[in-house]
Amino acid sequence: METISALSNWRLRFAREGEGVTILRASTCDEDAVLPDELFGLPVTRLSDRCLAPGAAEVEGEDVQLVCGAPSADFDNRRIRRLTLPRPLKSIGDYAFLNLRAMETLCVFDELQGVGGACFMNCRAFSKLELTRTSGAQGPALAAIVSALPQELTVTVRGNGEELRLVFPEYTERYEENSPARHFDFKIGGAGYPYHIVFRSRRLELTDYDALFPGMLAVEHEEDTALRLAFCRLRWPVGLSEKARGMYRAYLEKHREETLLYALGTRDMEGLRLALALDGLTREELAAALAAARAASYTEAAAALLERQHRLFPPQRRSWDL
């Protein structure tokens, strides 16, 4: 087996197909794993069915080992927490990431065109998608992944000098037995379903995304999810209209203390400044946030909170009658 240096440790079985390479099987010992963009001068354009699924049946192909330092553990994809896919990748096969239960973050490029059936089955920790745009036009990668998942997903999109962060809330799917009619009823629960199907022609219009928020608030929903969704749209306001800005801000102003505490948890000073600019902050809310900042030894945030507290509630001057 040939060995070559790379960004991560991998044992790969692959097939050369035309002007590209299909990875048939891949296993790694790394928790932060990066698949190669090319092999032997050919771009990696496809991951086959069950490509990274632990215990998948063997298939015929060429073998290569990628080395990045000495392996720190056994080769077992169940260790993967963060996975970066090849930039030229066009398609992902069925069940490709089956049972990657520890995978929290997936990094993809907008070259991706399609995702196979049940690709993310049992990827229970998967909650963060990082998407890099490689051209001015929006590709279908975001729609392909988000529409394939029912769980909550926080998406970061970078490219063209911009950064966008979006929250796609969770929804549930279940079958309920209808005994009198002798069939099963399919039911969808949760406020997130419209967000996962908001795409038009496999593209996302941010005005459509923002228009879903009032409907989400009108049904049963998780308050912390709504708060994070509103916060992210204000913190990274790409394509945000003034009407939507006012809507999200009004929601956060109804949850000022929770917003302050969430902003502290992100350890992002721009986000904290956004929270500190909300109208109606009380002395008690600022005091609670200041206590949390001190408990976390977050001195920069504590200083900003003290400054805002001083501006809103300046100390009264004392006077004495002689």
Protein backbone atom coordinates (compact mmCIF):
# COMPACT_ATOMS: atom_id res chain seq x y z
CA MET A 1 0.00 0.00 0.00
CA GLU A 2 1.38 3.38 -1.02
CA THR A 3 1.81 5.99 1.71
CA ILE A 4 1.62 9.76 1.15
CA SER A 5 1.61 12.76 3.48
CA ALA A 6 -1.66 14.64 4.02
CA LEU A 7 -3.62 16.81 6.46
CA SER A 8 -5.09 13.82 8.31
CA ASN A 9 -4.45 10.13 8.84
CA TRP A 10 -6.58 7.98 6.53
CA ARG A 11 -6.76 4.51 5.08
CA LEU A 12 -8.55 4.87 1.77
CA ARG A 13 -9.89 2.54 -0.88
CA PHE A 14 -10.72 4.38 -4.07
CA ALA A 15 -11.52 4.06 -7.75
CA ARG A 16 -10.40 6.27 -10.63
CA GLU A 17 -13.46 7.13 -12.69
CA GLY A 18 -12.90 9.28 -15.75
CA GLU A 19 -11.38 12.58 -14.67
CA GLY A 20 -12.12 12.13 -10.96
CA VAL A 21 -11.78 9.81 -8.00
CA THR A 22 -14.48 8.08 -5.97
CA ILE A 23 -13.58 7.20 -2.39
CA LEU A 24 -15.10 3.79 -1.74
CA ARG A 25 -14.07 3.29 1.88
CA ALA A 26 -12.34 5.62 4.33
CA SER A 27 -11.25 5.16 7.94
CA THR A 28 -9.34 7.49 10.25
CA CYS A 29 -8.00 7.71 13.77
CA ASP A 30 -8.40 11.50 13.93
CA GLU A 31 -11.21 13.33 15.71
CA ASP A 32 -10.71 16.35 13.41
CA ALA A 33 -10.43 14.67 10.02
CA VAL A 34 -9.86 16.25 6.60
CA LEU A 35 -10.43 14.22 3.44
CA PRO A 36 -8.03 15.05 0.58
CA ASP A 37 -9.07 17.27 -2.33
CA GLU A 38 -7.24 15.02 -4.78
CA LEU A 39 -5.51 11.68 -5.11
CA PHE A 40 -2.71 11.05 -7.60
CA GLY A 41 -3.46 14.27 -9.46
CA LEU A 42 -7.21 13.62 -9.82
CA PRO A 43 -9.92 15.53 -7.92
CA VAL A 44 -12.01 13.64 -5.37
CA THR A 45 -15.52 14.09 -6.75
CA ARG A 46 -17.62 11.39 -5.04
CA LEU A 47 -18.04 9.46 -1.80
CA SER A 48 -19.62 6.08 -2.40
CA ASP A 49 -22.45 4.41 -0.49
CA ARG A 50 -21.47 3.69 3.16
CA CYS A 51 -18.10 5.28 2.50
CA LEU A 52 -17.37 6.20 6.13
CA ALA A 53 -19.90 3.93 7.83
CA PRO A 54 -18.15 1.83 10.52
CA GLY A 55 -18.28 -1.86 9.71
CA ALA A 56 -19.32 -1.40 6.08
CA ALA A 57 -18.68 -4.37 3.79
CA GLU A 58 -15.43 -4.35 1.85
CA VAL A 59 -15.39 -3.44 -1.85
CA GLU A 60 -12.76 -3.78 -4.52
CA GLY A 61 -10.51 -0.84 -5.34
CA GLU A 62 -7.06 0.69 -5.02
CA ASP A 63 -5.61 1.34 -1.56
CA VAL A 64 -3.60 4.26 -0.21
CA GLN A 65 -2.62 5.40 3.26
CA LEU A 66 -2.47 9.11 4.12
CA VAL A 67 -0.18 10.07 6.98
CA CYS A 68 -0.15 13.13 9.21
CA GLY A 69 2.07 12.25 12.14
CA ALA A 70 1.86 9.07 14.13
CA PRO A 71 -1.67 7.69 14.65
CA SER A 72 -2.89 8.54 18.15
CA ALA A 73 -5.57 5.84 18.34
CA ASP A 74 -7.15 2.96 16.48
CA PHE A 75 -8.66 3.66 13.08
CA ASP A 76 -12.34 4.00 13.96
CA ASN A 77 -14.65 6.54 12.33
CA ARG A 78 -16.81 6.57 15.44
CA ARG A 79 -14.18 8.91 16.89
CA ILE A 80 -14.77 11.63 14.28
CA ARG A 81 -16.07 14.88 15.76
CA ARG A 82 -15.30 17.24 12.90
CA LEU A 83 -15.14 16.16 9.26
CA THR A 84 -14.02 18.30 6.32
CA LEU A 85 -15.02 17.05 2.87
CA PRO A 86 -13.02 17.58 -0.34
CA ARG A 87 -13.52 20.88 -2.13
CA PRO A 88 -14.22 19.31 -5.58
CA LEU A 89 -16.75 16.84 -4.12
CA LYS A 90 -19.93 16.63 -6.23
CA SER A 91 -21.98 13.84 -4.63
CA ILE A 92 -22.30 11.73 -1.51
CA GLY A 93 -23.74 8.23 -1.64
CA ASP A 94 -26.46 6.54 0.42
CA TYR A 95 -25.69 5.91 4.11
CA ALA A 96 -22.26 7.51 3.61
CA PHE A 97 -21.98 8.71 7.23
CA LEU A 98 -24.12 6.02 8.86
CA ASN A 99 -23.49 5.67 12.62
CA LEU A 100 -20.97 8.50 12.95
CA ARG A 101 -22.55 9.21 16.32
CA ALA A 102 -19.80 11.54 17.58
CA MET A 103 -19.67 13.78 14.50
CA GLU A 104 -20.72 17.28 15.57
CA THR A 105 -19.46 19.42 12.68
CA LEU A 106 -19.39 18.86 8.92
CA CYS A 107 -17.43 21.22 6.66
CA VAL A 108 -18.39 21.29 2.97
CA PHE A 109 -17.87 23.40 -0.12
CA ASP A 110 -20.56 24.70 -2.41
CA GLU A 111 -19.37 22.42 -5.20
CA LEU A 112 -21.51 19.68 -3.65
CA GLN A 113 -24.56 18.88 -5.77
CA GLY A 114 -26.33 15.99 -4.06
CA VAL A 115 -26.59 13.92 -0.88
CA GLY A 116 -27.72 10.29 -0.88
CA GLY A 117 -30.59 8.74 1.02
CA ALA A 118 -30.21 8.26 4.80
CA CYS A 119 -26.75 9.80 4.51
CA PHE A 120 -26.83 11.10 8.10
CA MET A 121 -28.70 8.22 9.73
CA ASN A 122 -27.74 7.92 13.43
CA CYS A 123 -25.50 11.00 13.26
CA ARG A 124 -27.12 12.11 16.50
CA ALA A 125 -24.51 14.69 17.50
CA PHE A 126 -24.46 16.42 14.10
CA SER A 127 -25.49 20.01 14.85
CA LYS A 128 -23.11 22.32 12.97
CA LEU A 129 -22.61 22.75 9.25
CA GLU A 130 -19.84 24.97 7.88
CA LEU A 131 -20.29 25.84 4.21
CA THR A 132 -17.72 27.65 2.10
CA ARG A 133 -18.92 29.32 -1.08
CA THR A 134 -16.41 29.02 -3.89
CA SER A 135 -18.14 31.31 -6.38
CA GLY A 136 -20.55 34.23 -6.41
CA ALA A 137 -23.54 32.04 -7.19
CA GLN A 138 -25.22 30.00 -4.45
CA GLY A 139 -24.96 26.27 -5.01
CA PRO A 140 -27.39 23.55 -3.91
CA ALA A 141 -25.22 22.15 -1.10
CA LEU A 142 -27.07 23.92 1.71
CA ALA A 143 -30.47 22.74 0.51
CA ALA A 144 -29.22 19.19 -0.05
CA ILE A 145 -28.02 18.81 3.54
CA VAL A 146 -30.58 20.83 5.51
CA SER A 147 -33.58 19.27 3.76
CA ALA A 148 -32.21 15.80 4.56
CA LEU A 149 -32.19 16.37 8.32
CA PRO A 150 -34.88 16.79 10.98
CA GLN A 151 -32.57 17.87 13.81
CA GLU A 152 -31.60 21.41 14.67
CA LEU A 153 -28.68 22.65 12.62
CA THR A 154 -26.59 25.78 13.01
CA VAL A 155 -25.17 26.74 9.62
CA THR A 156 -22.22 29.04 9.03
CA VAL A 157 -21.78 30.22 5.44
CA ARG A 158 -18.54 31.95 4.42
CA GLY A 159 -17.53 33.35 1.07
CA ASN A 160 -17.34 36.48 -1.04
CA GLY A 161 -16.03 38.38 1.99
CA GLU A 162 -19.19 37.71 4.02
CA GLU A 163 -20.20 35.47 6.88
CA LEU A 164 -23.75 34.34 7.53
CA ARG A 165 -25.02 32.23 10.42
CA LEU A 166 -28.45 30.61 10.38
CA VAL A 167 -30.33 28.33 12.77
CA PHE A 168 -32.64 25.68 11.32
CA PRO A 169 -34.89 24.46 14.19
CA GLU A 170 -35.64 20.82 14.87
CA TYR A 171 -38.79 18.99 13.87
CA THR A 172 -40.03 15.45 14.43
CA GLU A 173 -41.59 12.84 12.16
CA ARG A 174 -43.64 9.95 13.45
CA TYR A 175 -46.27 7.43 12.44
CA GLU A 176 -49.32 6.93 14.65
CA GLU A 177 -51.53 3.88 14.34
CA ASN A 178 -55.11 4.65 13.35
CA SER A 179 -56.77 1.39 14.39
CA PRO A 180 -60.36 2.09 13.22
CA ALA A 181 -59.15 3.01 9.75
CA ARG A 182 -56.49 0.28 9.77
CA HIS A 183 -53.65 2.49 8.66
CA PHE A 184 -50.90 4.71 10.06
CA ASP A 185 -51.06 8.51 10.09
CA PHE A 186 -47.85 10.38 9.36
CA LYS A 187 -47.41 13.40 11.62
CA ILE A 188 -44.85 16.18 11.75
CA GLY A 189 -44.23 17.99 15.03
CA GLY A 190 -42.22 20.99 16.11
CA ALA A 191 -41.74 24.43 14.64
CA GLY A 192 -38.76 23.59 12.45
CA TYR A 193 -40.26 21.83 9.43
CA PRO A 194 -40.93 24.99 7.35
CA TYR A 195 -37.31 26.04 7.83
CA HIS A 196 -35.98 22.75 6.45
CA ILE A 197 -38.07 23.05 3.27
CA VAL A 198 -37.79 26.82 2.75
CA PHE A 199 -35.59 26.38 -0.34
CA ARG A 200 -36.81 27.36 -3.79
CA SER A 201 -35.18 25.53 -6.70
CA ARG A 202 -32.59 24.30 -4.16
CA ARG A 203 -31.61 27.85 -3.28
CA LEU A 204 -32.23 29.87 -0.11
CA GLU A 205 -33.80 33.31 -0.24
CA LEU A 206 -33.11 35.04 3.06
CA THR A 207 -36.37 36.98 2.84
CA ASP A 208 -38.22 33.64 2.81
CA TYR A 209 -36.21 32.44 5.80
CA ASP A 210 -36.95 35.59 7.80
CA ALA A 211 -40.65 35.46 6.92
CA LEU A 212 -40.97 32.15 8.81
CA PHE A 213 -40.20 33.63 12.24
CA PRO A 214 -43.71 34.92 13.14
CA GLY A 215 -45.19 31.53 12.28
CA MET A 216 -42.61 29.79 14.42
CA LEU A 217 -43.53 31.96 17.41
CA ALA A 218 -47.24 31.28 16.85
CA VAL A 219 -46.86 27.53 17.48
CA GLU A 220 -45.20 25.52 20.21
CA HIS A 221 -41.46 26.11 20.01
CA GLU A 222 -38.27 26.12 22.06
CA GLU A 223 -37.62 29.62 23.40
CA ASP A 224 -33.85 29.19 23.42
CA THR A 225 -33.91 28.11 19.76
CA ALA A 226 -35.91 31.19 18.78
CA LEU A 227 -33.50 33.37 20.75
CA ARG A 228 -30.44 31.91 19.02
CA LEU A 229 -32.10 32.22 15.62
CA ALA A 230 -32.92 35.90 16.18
CA PHE A 231 -29.51 36.60 17.70
CA CYS A 232 -27.63 35.04 14.78
CA ARG A 233 -29.61 37.01 12.19
CA LEU A 234 -28.81 40.28 13.98
CA ARG A 235 -25.19 39.37 14.66
CA TRP A 236 -24.52 38.36 11.03
CA PRO A 237 -27.12 40.48 9.16
CA VAL A 238 -26.39 39.48 5.55
CA GLY A 239 -29.50 40.23 3.47
CA LEU A 240 -31.45 41.39 6.53
CA SER A 241 -34.24 43.89 5.79
CA GLU A 242 -35.11 46.68 8.21
CA LYS A 243 -38.48 45.07 8.86
CA ALA A 244 -36.87 41.74 9.78
CA ARG A 245 -34.24 43.52 11.85
CA GLY A 246 -36.96 45.19 13.90
CA MET A 247 -38.82 41.89 14.32
CA TYR A 248 -35.79 40.04 15.64
CA ARG A 249 -34.74 42.92 17.87
CA ALA A 250 -38.23 43.14 19.38
CA TYR A 251 -38.04 39.44 20.26
CA LEU A 252 -34.66 39.79 21.95
CA GLU A 253 -35.87 42.83 23.89
CA LYS A 254 -38.59 40.62 25.39
CA HIS A 255 -35.84 38.21 26.51
CA ARG A 256 -33.10 40.63 27.51
CA GLU A 257 -31.51 38.70 30.37
CA GLU A 258 -31.46 35.43 28.40
CA THR A 259 -29.92 37.27 25.44
CA LEU A 260 -27.17 38.75 27.62
CA LEU A 261 -26.33 35.37 29.11
CA TYR A 262 -26.34 33.69 25.69
CA ALA A 263 -24.06 36.40 24.27
CA LEU A 264 -21.67 35.86 27.19
CA GLY A 265 -21.62 32.13 26.48
CA THR A 266 -20.50 32.70 22.90
CA ARG A 267 -17.48 34.72 24.13
CA ASP A 268 -17.97 36.99 21.14
CA MET A 269 -17.63 40.66 22.04
CA GLU A 270 -19.49 41.84 18.93
CA GLY A 271 -22.43 39.70 19.98
CA LEU A 272 -22.27 41.06 23.53
CA ARG A 273 -22.28 44.63 22.23
CA LEU A 274 -25.39 43.76 20.24
CA ALA A 275 -27.08 42.50 23.42
CA LEU A 276 -25.96 45.56 25.41
CA ALA A 277 -27.57 47.84 22.81
CA LEU A 278 -31.05 46.40 23.45
CA ASP A 279 -33.58 48.85 24.83
CA GLY A 280 -35.00 48.43 28.31
CA LEU A 281 -32.06 46.77 30.07
CA THR A 282 -32.55 46.86 33.82
CA ARG A 283 -30.03 47.15 36.63
CA GLU A 284 -30.91 43.62 37.74
CA GLU A 285 -30.36 42.14 34.27
CA LEU A 286 -26.97 43.78 33.96
CA ALA A 287 -26.02 42.65 37.47
CA ALA A 288 -26.92 39.02 36.63
CA ALA A 289 -24.84 39.16 33.45
CA LEU A 290 -21.93 40.78 35.30
CA ALA A 291 -21.95 38.02 37.89
CA ALA A 292 -21.87 35.42 35.09
CA ALA A 293 -18.97 37.19 33.38
CA ARG A 294 -16.98 37.29 36.61
CA ALA A 295 -17.72 33.64 37.34
CA ALA A 296 -16.38 32.75 33.87
CA SER A 297 -13.31 35.02 34.32
CA TYR A 298 -14.43 36.86 31.18
CA THR A 299 -12.79 40.18 32.06
CA GLU A 300 -13.36 41.92 28.72
CA ALA A 301 -17.09 41.25 28.94
CA ALA A 302 -17.18 42.32 32.60
CA ALA A 303 -15.60 45.65 31.65
CA ALA A 304 -18.17 46.21 28.88
CA LEU A 305 -21.02 45.36 31.26
CA LEU A 306 -19.70 47.75 33.91
CA GLU A 307 -19.42 50.53 31.35
CA ARG A 308 -22.99 49.95 30.14
CA GLN A 309 -24.23 49.81 33.72
CA HIS A 310 -22.50 53.10 34.50
CA ARG A 311 -24.02 54.78 31.44
CA LEU A 312 -27.55 53.58 32.10
CA PHE A 313 -27.47 53.92 35.88
CA PRO A 314 -24.84 56.51 36.83
CA PRO A 315 -24.07 56.67 40.55
CA GLN A 316 -25.94 59.43 42.31
CA ARG A 317 -23.92 62.23 43.78
CA ARG A 318 -24.16 62.57 47.51
CA SER A 319 -24.73 65.90 49.20
CA TRP A 320 -24.64 66.93 52.83
CA ASP A 321 -26.37 69.83 54.52
CA LEU A 322 -24.05 71.74 56.85
